Amino acid sequence: MKFTLNIQSSEQLANICGGLDKNIENIATNLGVNISNKGSDFNIKGENSALAVSVLQDLLIVSETKAIDFSDIDLCIKSLNSPNGEVKSVTSQLKPVENIFILEALISKIMSMQL
C-alpha cells in the first residue's frame, strides 16, 4: 500500500520517523508489516497495512504539538483496535487540556480491557 502523509516540514518528518527510523521500526514490529519511505511517500506491505497507515496519520496530528515517543505509538495502535477487531479512528477538535482528560480516560479503559 502506497500513500503520502501531508507533512509540513522536515522536522515533522523526523519526529514521525524517529531517530534512525526507530518509530517506523516500532510501528512495523508491533503491526507485523514492512514500512519504507522516501520523504513523505510511504510504502507499507503486510496484512495490517491499513492499520499502519492510520497510525501514521494519527502520529502526524500528534507531531504538530509534541515530540513522538514509543508510548504515543503504543497508544495510537491500541486506540485504533476495537475489541471486535474493527479499526476505528477518532480525531478530536478539543483544546489540549480537554484532550489530556480524554486520553487519561482512554488509557484507563484500555488498561482495564487487558486485565
N, C-alpha and C. Protein backbone atom coordinates (compact mmCIF):
# COMPACT_ATOMS: atom_id res chain seq x y z
N MET A 1 0.85 -1.17 0.00
CA MET A 1 0.00 0.00 0.00
C MET A 1 0.89 1.23 0.00
N LYS A 2 0.70 2.09 -0.96
CA LYS A 2 1.47 3.33 -1.05
C LYS A 2 0.58 4.50 -0.67
N PHE A 3 1.15 5.44 0.09
CA PHE A 3 0.41 6.65 0.43
C PHE A 3 1.38 7.76 0.79
N THR A 4 0.87 8.98 0.82
CA THR A 4 1.68 10.15 1.14
C THR A 4 1.08 10.86 2.35
N LEU A 5 1.92 11.13 3.35
CA LEU A 5 1.50 11.93 4.50
C LEU A 5 1.65 13.40 4.16
N ASN A 6 0.74 14.21 4.62
CA ASN A 6 0.78 15.65 4.38
C ASN A 6 1.70 16.31 5.42
N ILE A 7 2.98 16.08 5.27
CA ILE A 7 3.98 16.57 6.23
C ILE A 7 4.36 18.00 5.86
N GLN A 8 4.44 18.85 6.88
CA GLN A 8 4.68 20.28 6.66
C GLN A 8 6.15 20.68 6.69
N SER A 9 7.00 19.85 7.31
CA SER A 9 8.41 20.23 7.43
C SER A 9 9.28 19.00 7.61
N SER A 10 10.56 19.17 7.39
CA SER A 10 11.50 18.06 7.59
C SER A 10 11.58 17.69 9.08
N GLU A 11 11.38 18.66 9.97
CA GLU A 11 11.39 18.38 11.40
C GLU A 11 10.21 17.49 11.78
N GLN A 12 9.06 17.74 11.17
CA GLN A 12 7.88 16.92 11.44
C GLN A 12 8.10 15.49 10.93
N LEU A 13 8.70 15.35 9.75
CA LEU A 13 9.01 14.02 9.22
C LEU A 13 9.97 13.29 10.15
N ALA A 14 11.01 13.99 10.60
CA ALA A 14 11.97 13.38 11.51
C ALA A 14 11.31 12.97 12.82
N ASN A 15 10.36 13.76 13.30
CA ASN A 15 9.63 13.46 14.53
C ASN A 15 8.78 12.20 14.35
N ILE A 16 8.11 12.08 13.22
CA ILE A 16 7.26 10.92 12.97
C ILE A 16 8.11 9.66 12.80
N CYS A 17 9.17 9.74 12.01
CA CYS A 17 10.01 8.57 11.74
C CYS A 17 10.87 8.18 12.94
N GLY A 18 11.29 9.17 13.73
CA GLY A 18 12.14 8.91 14.88
C GLY A 18 13.60 8.86 14.47
N GLY A 19 14.46 9.01 15.46
CA GLY A 19 15.90 8.92 15.22
C GLY A 19 16.26 7.56 14.65
N LEU A 20 16.99 7.53 13.57
CA LEU A 20 17.37 6.30 12.88
C LEU A 20 16.14 5.44 12.54
N ASP A 21 15.02 6.11 12.27
CA ASP A 21 13.75 5.46 11.90
C ASP A 21 13.22 4.51 12.98
N LYS A 22 13.54 4.77 14.24
CA LYS A 22 13.12 3.88 15.32
C LYS A 22 11.59 3.85 15.47
N ASN A 23 10.91 4.98 15.25
CA ASN A 23 9.45 4.98 15.36
C ASN A 23 8.83 4.12 14.25
N ILE A 24 9.38 4.23 13.05
CA ILE A 24 8.89 3.42 11.93
C ILE A 24 9.12 1.94 12.22
N GLU A 25 10.29 1.60 12.74
CA GLU A 25 10.58 0.21 13.10
C GLU A 25 9.63 -0.29 14.18
N ASN A 26 9.33 0.56 15.15
CA ASN A 26 8.43 0.19 16.23
C ASN A 26 7.03 -0.12 15.68
N ILE A 27 6.53 0.74 14.81
CA ILE A 27 5.21 0.51 14.20
C ILE A 27 5.24 -0.79 13.41
N ALA A 28 6.26 -0.98 12.59
CA ALA A 28 6.37 -2.18 11.76
C ALA A 28 6.41 -3.44 12.60
N THR A 29 7.20 -3.42 13.66
CA THR A 29 7.31 -4.59 14.53
C THR A 29 6.00 -4.89 15.22
N ASN A 30 5.36 -3.87 15.78
CA ASN A 30 4.11 -4.07 16.51
C ASN A 30 2.96 -4.54 15.62
N LEU A 31 2.97 -4.14 14.36
CA LEU A 31 1.86 -4.49 13.47
C LEU A 31 2.21 -5.60 12.49
N GLY A 32 3.45 -6.06 12.50
CA GLY A 32 3.85 -7.13 11.59
C GLY A 32 3.82 -6.73 10.13
N VAL A 33 4.28 -5.51 9.85
CA VAL A 33 4.32 -5.00 8.48
C VAL A 33 5.73 -4.56 8.14
N ASN A 34 5.95 -4.31 6.86
CA ASN A 34 7.20 -3.71 6.40
C ASN A 34 6.88 -2.30 5.95
N ILE A 35 7.64 -1.32 6.45
CA ILE A 35 7.41 0.08 6.11
C ILE A 35 8.69 0.66 5.55
N SER A 36 8.56 1.31 4.40
CA SER A 36 9.69 2.06 3.84
C SER A 36 9.16 3.42 3.42
N ASN A 37 10.05 4.38 3.37
CA ASN A 37 9.62 5.72 2.93
C ASN A 37 10.76 6.46 2.26
N LYS A 38 10.35 7.38 1.41
CA LYS A 38 11.24 8.39 0.83
C LYS A 38 10.54 9.70 1.08
N GLY A 39 11.02 10.41 2.09
CA GLY A 39 10.34 11.64 2.49
C GLY A 39 8.96 11.31 3.00
N SER A 40 7.96 11.99 2.49
CA SER A 40 6.59 11.79 2.96
C SER A 40 5.85 10.70 2.19
N ASP A 41 6.52 10.04 1.25
CA ASP A 41 5.93 8.94 0.49
C ASP A 41 6.26 7.61 1.17
N PHE A 42 5.22 6.90 1.59
CA PHE A 42 5.40 5.66 2.34
C PHE A 42 4.90 4.47 1.53
N ASN A 43 5.54 3.33 1.74
CA ASN A 43 5.11 2.07 1.16
C ASN A 43 5.03 1.06 2.31
N ILE A 44 3.85 0.48 2.50
CA ILE A 44 3.63 -0.45 3.60
C ILE A 44 3.14 -1.77 3.02
N LYS A 45 3.78 -2.86 3.46
CA LYS A 45 3.38 -4.19 3.00
C LYS A 45 3.05 -5.05 4.21
N GLY A 46 1.97 -5.77 4.11
CA GLY A 46 1.57 -6.67 5.18
C GLY A 46 0.09 -6.61 5.44
N GLU A 47 -0.38 -7.59 6.18
CA GLU A 47 -1.81 -7.72 6.46
C GLU A 47 -2.39 -6.51 7.20
N ASN A 48 -1.60 -5.89 8.05
CA ASN A 48 -2.07 -4.75 8.83
C ASN A 48 -1.67 -3.40 8.23
N SER A 49 -1.49 -3.35 6.92
CA SER A 49 -1.03 -2.11 6.29
C SER A 49 -2.02 -0.96 6.47
N ALA A 50 -3.32 -1.24 6.43
CA ALA A 50 -4.31 -0.17 6.62
C ALA A 50 -4.22 0.40 8.03
N LEU A 51 -3.99 -0.47 9.01
CA LEU A 51 -3.84 -0.01 10.39
C LEU A 51 -2.57 0.83 10.53
N ALA A 52 -1.50 0.42 9.87
CA ALA A 52 -0.25 1.18 9.92
C ALA A 52 -0.43 2.58 9.33
N VAL A 53 -1.19 2.67 8.24
CA VAL A 53 -1.49 3.99 7.66
C VAL A 53 -2.24 4.85 8.67
N SER A 54 -3.22 4.28 9.34
CA SER A 54 -3.99 5.03 10.34
C SER A 54 -3.10 5.51 11.49
N VAL A 55 -2.18 4.64 11.92
CA VAL A 55 -1.25 5.02 13.00
C VAL A 55 -0.39 6.19 12.55
N LEU A 56 0.16 6.12 11.35
CA LEU A 56 0.99 7.21 10.85
C LEU A 56 0.19 8.51 10.70
N GLN A 57 -1.05 8.41 10.25
CA GLN A 57 -1.89 9.60 10.13
C GLN A 57 -2.18 10.22 11.49
N ASP A 58 -2.43 9.37 12.49
CA ASP A 58 -2.65 9.89 13.85
C ASP A 58 -1.37 10.50 14.41
N LEU A 59 -0.23 9.88 14.13
CA LEU A 59 1.04 10.44 14.61
C LEU A 59 1.35 11.76 13.94
N LEU A 60 0.89 11.95 12.72
CA LEU A 60 1.05 13.23 12.04
C LEU A 60 0.38 14.34 12.85
N ILE A 61 -0.80 14.07 13.37
CA ILE A 61 -1.51 15.05 14.20
C ILE A 61 -0.77 15.28 15.51
N VAL A 62 -0.33 14.19 16.14
CA VAL A 62 0.41 14.30 17.41
C VAL A 62 1.69 15.10 17.21
N SER A 63 2.35 14.90 16.08
CA SER A 63 3.66 15.53 15.83
C SER A 63 3.58 17.05 15.71
N GLU A 64 2.38 17.57 15.53
CA GLU A 64 2.22 19.02 15.43
C GLU A 64 2.40 19.71 16.78
N THR A 65 2.25 18.94 17.88
CA THR A 65 2.29 19.57 19.20
C THR A 65 3.36 19.02 20.14
N LYS A 66 3.96 17.87 19.81
CA LYS A 66 4.94 17.30 20.73
C LYS A 66 5.87 16.33 20.01
N ALA A 67 6.97 16.03 20.68
CA ALA A 67 7.90 15.02 20.17
C ALA A 67 7.28 13.64 20.40
N ILE A 68 7.27 12.82 19.38
CA ILE A 68 6.67 11.49 19.46
C ILE A 68 7.62 10.54 20.16
N ASP A 69 7.07 9.72 21.05
CA ASP A 69 7.86 8.68 21.69
C ASP A 69 7.12 7.35 21.56
N PHE A 70 7.72 6.28 22.07
CA PHE A 70 7.14 4.95 21.91
C PHE A 70 5.76 4.85 22.55
N SER A 71 5.52 5.56 23.64
CA SER A 71 4.21 5.49 24.28
C SER A 71 3.12 6.08 23.38
N ASP A 72 3.46 7.10 22.59
CA ASP A 72 2.49 7.67 21.65
C ASP A 72 2.11 6.64 20.58
N ILE A 73 3.11 5.92 20.10
CA ILE A 73 2.87 4.90 19.08
C ILE A 73 1.99 3.79 19.66
N ASP A 74 2.33 3.34 20.86
CA ASP A 74 1.57 2.28 21.52
C ASP A 74 0.12 2.71 21.72
N LEU A 75 -0.08 3.94 22.17
CA LEU A 75 -1.43 4.44 22.40
C LEU A 75 -2.21 4.53 21.10
N CYS A 76 -1.57 4.99 20.03
CA CYS A 76 -2.25 5.06 18.73
C CYS A 76 -2.69 3.68 18.27
N ILE A 77 -1.81 2.70 18.39
CA ILE A 77 -2.14 1.34 17.96
C ILE A 77 -3.29 0.79 18.78
N LYS A 78 -3.22 0.94 20.10
CA LYS A 78 -4.28 0.41 20.96
C LYS A 78 -5.61 1.13 20.74
N SER A 79 -5.56 2.43 20.53
CA SER A 79 -6.82 3.18 20.36
C SER A 79 -7.49 2.88 19.03
N LEU A 80 -6.73 2.44 18.03
CA LEU A 80 -7.31 2.11 16.73
C LEU A 80 -7.87 0.70 16.67
N ASN A 81 -7.50 -0.14 17.62
CA ASN A 81 -8.02 -1.51 17.65
C ASN A 81 -9.20 -1.57 18.60
N SER A 82 -10.36 -1.87 18.07
CA SER A 82 -11.53 -2.06 18.94
C SER A 82 -11.58 -3.52 19.36
N PRO A 83 -12.30 -3.85 20.42
CA PRO A 83 -12.36 -5.23 20.90
C PRO A 83 -12.87 -6.23 19.86
N ASN A 84 -13.72 -5.80 18.93
CA ASN A 84 -14.28 -6.73 17.96
C ASN A 84 -13.45 -6.84 16.69
N GLY A 85 -12.24 -6.25 16.69
CA GLY A 85 -11.33 -6.39 15.57
C GLY A 85 -11.48 -5.36 14.49
N GLU A 86 -12.48 -4.47 14.59
CA GLU A 86 -12.63 -3.42 13.59
C GLU A 86 -11.63 -2.31 13.88
N VAL A 87 -11.27 -1.60 12.86
CA VAL A 87 -10.36 -0.47 13.00
C VAL A 87 -11.20 0.79 13.08
N LYS A 88 -10.90 1.63 14.07
CA LYS A 88 -11.61 2.89 14.17
C LYS A 88 -10.62 4.00 14.48
N SER A 89 -10.97 5.21 14.10
CA SER A 89 -10.11 6.35 14.35
C SER A 89 -10.98 7.51 14.81
N VAL A 90 -10.48 8.23 15.81
CA VAL A 90 -11.20 9.38 16.33
C VAL A 90 -10.27 10.57 16.29
N THR A 91 -10.71 11.65 15.68
CA THR A 91 -9.94 12.88 15.66
C THR A 91 -10.66 13.90 16.52
N SER A 92 -9.94 14.49 17.44
CA SER A 92 -10.53 15.43 18.39
C SER A 92 -10.24 16.87 17.99
N GLN A 93 -11.24 17.71 18.12
CA GLN A 93 -11.09 19.13 17.88
C GLN A 93 -11.04 19.91 19.20
N LEU A 94 -10.86 19.20 20.32
CA LEU A 94 -10.87 19.83 21.64
C LEU A 94 -9.54 20.52 21.92
N LYS A 95 -9.56 21.35 22.94
CA LYS A 95 -8.34 22.04 23.38
C LYS A 95 -7.42 21.02 24.05
N PRO A 96 -6.09 21.28 24.07
CA PRO A 96 -5.14 20.32 24.65
C PRO A 96 -5.48 19.86 26.06
N VAL A 97 -5.97 20.74 26.93
CA VAL A 97 -6.30 20.34 28.30
C VAL A 97 -7.43 19.32 28.29
N GLU A 98 -8.43 19.54 27.42
CA GLU A 98 -9.53 18.59 27.32
C GLU A 98 -9.04 17.26 26.76
N ASN A 99 -8.10 17.31 25.83
CA ASN A 99 -7.55 16.09 25.25
C ASN A 99 -6.85 15.24 26.31
N ILE A 100 -6.19 15.87 27.27
CA ILE A 100 -5.49 15.15 28.33
C ILE A 100 -6.48 14.31 29.12
N PHE A 101 -7.63 14.89 29.47
CA PHE A 101 -8.63 14.14 30.24
C PHE A 101 -9.20 12.98 29.42
N ILE A 102 -9.40 13.21 28.14
CA ILE A 102 -9.91 12.15 27.26
C ILE A 102 -8.87 11.04 27.14
N LEU A 103 -7.59 11.42 26.95
CA LEU A 103 -6.54 10.41 26.84
C LEU A 103 -6.40 9.59 28.12
N GLU A 104 -6.50 10.25 29.27
CA GLU A 104 -6.42 9.53 30.54
C GLU A 104 -7.56 8.52 30.65
N ALA A 105 -8.76 8.93 30.25
CA ALA A 105 -9.91 8.02 30.30
C ALA A 105 -9.72 6.86 29.33
N LEU A 106 -9.19 7.15 28.14
CA LEU A 106 -8.95 6.13 27.14
C LEU A 106 -7.89 5.14 27.62
N ILE A 107 -6.83 5.64 28.20
CA ILE A 107 -5.78 4.76 28.73
C ILE A 107 -6.33 3.87 29.82
N SER A 108 -7.13 4.44 30.71
CA SER A 108 -7.73 3.67 31.78
C SER A 108 -8.62 2.56 31.22
N LYS A 109 -9.41 2.88 30.21
CA LYS A 109 -10.29 1.88 29.59
C LYS A 109 -9.48 0.77 28.93
N ILE A 110 -8.43 1.14 28.21
CA ILE A 110 -7.58 0.15 27.55
C ILE A 110 -6.93 -0.77 28.57
N MET A 111 -6.43 -0.20 29.65
CA MET A 111 -5.76 -0.99 30.68
C MET A 111 -6.74 -1.95 31.33
N SER A 112 -7.99 -1.54 31.55
CA SER A 112 -8.96 -2.43 32.18
C SER A 112 -9.36 -3.55 31.24
N MET A 113 -9.31 -3.33 29.90
CA MET A 113 -9.65 -4.37 28.94
C MET A 113 -8.57 -5.44 28.88
N GLN A 114 -7.35 -5.12 29.26
CA GLN A 114 -6.25 -6.06 29.18
C GLN A 114 -6.18 -6.99 30.38
N LEU A 115 -6.91 -6.66 31.43
CA LEU A 115 -6.85 -7.48 32.64
C LEU A 115 -7.63 -8.76 32.52
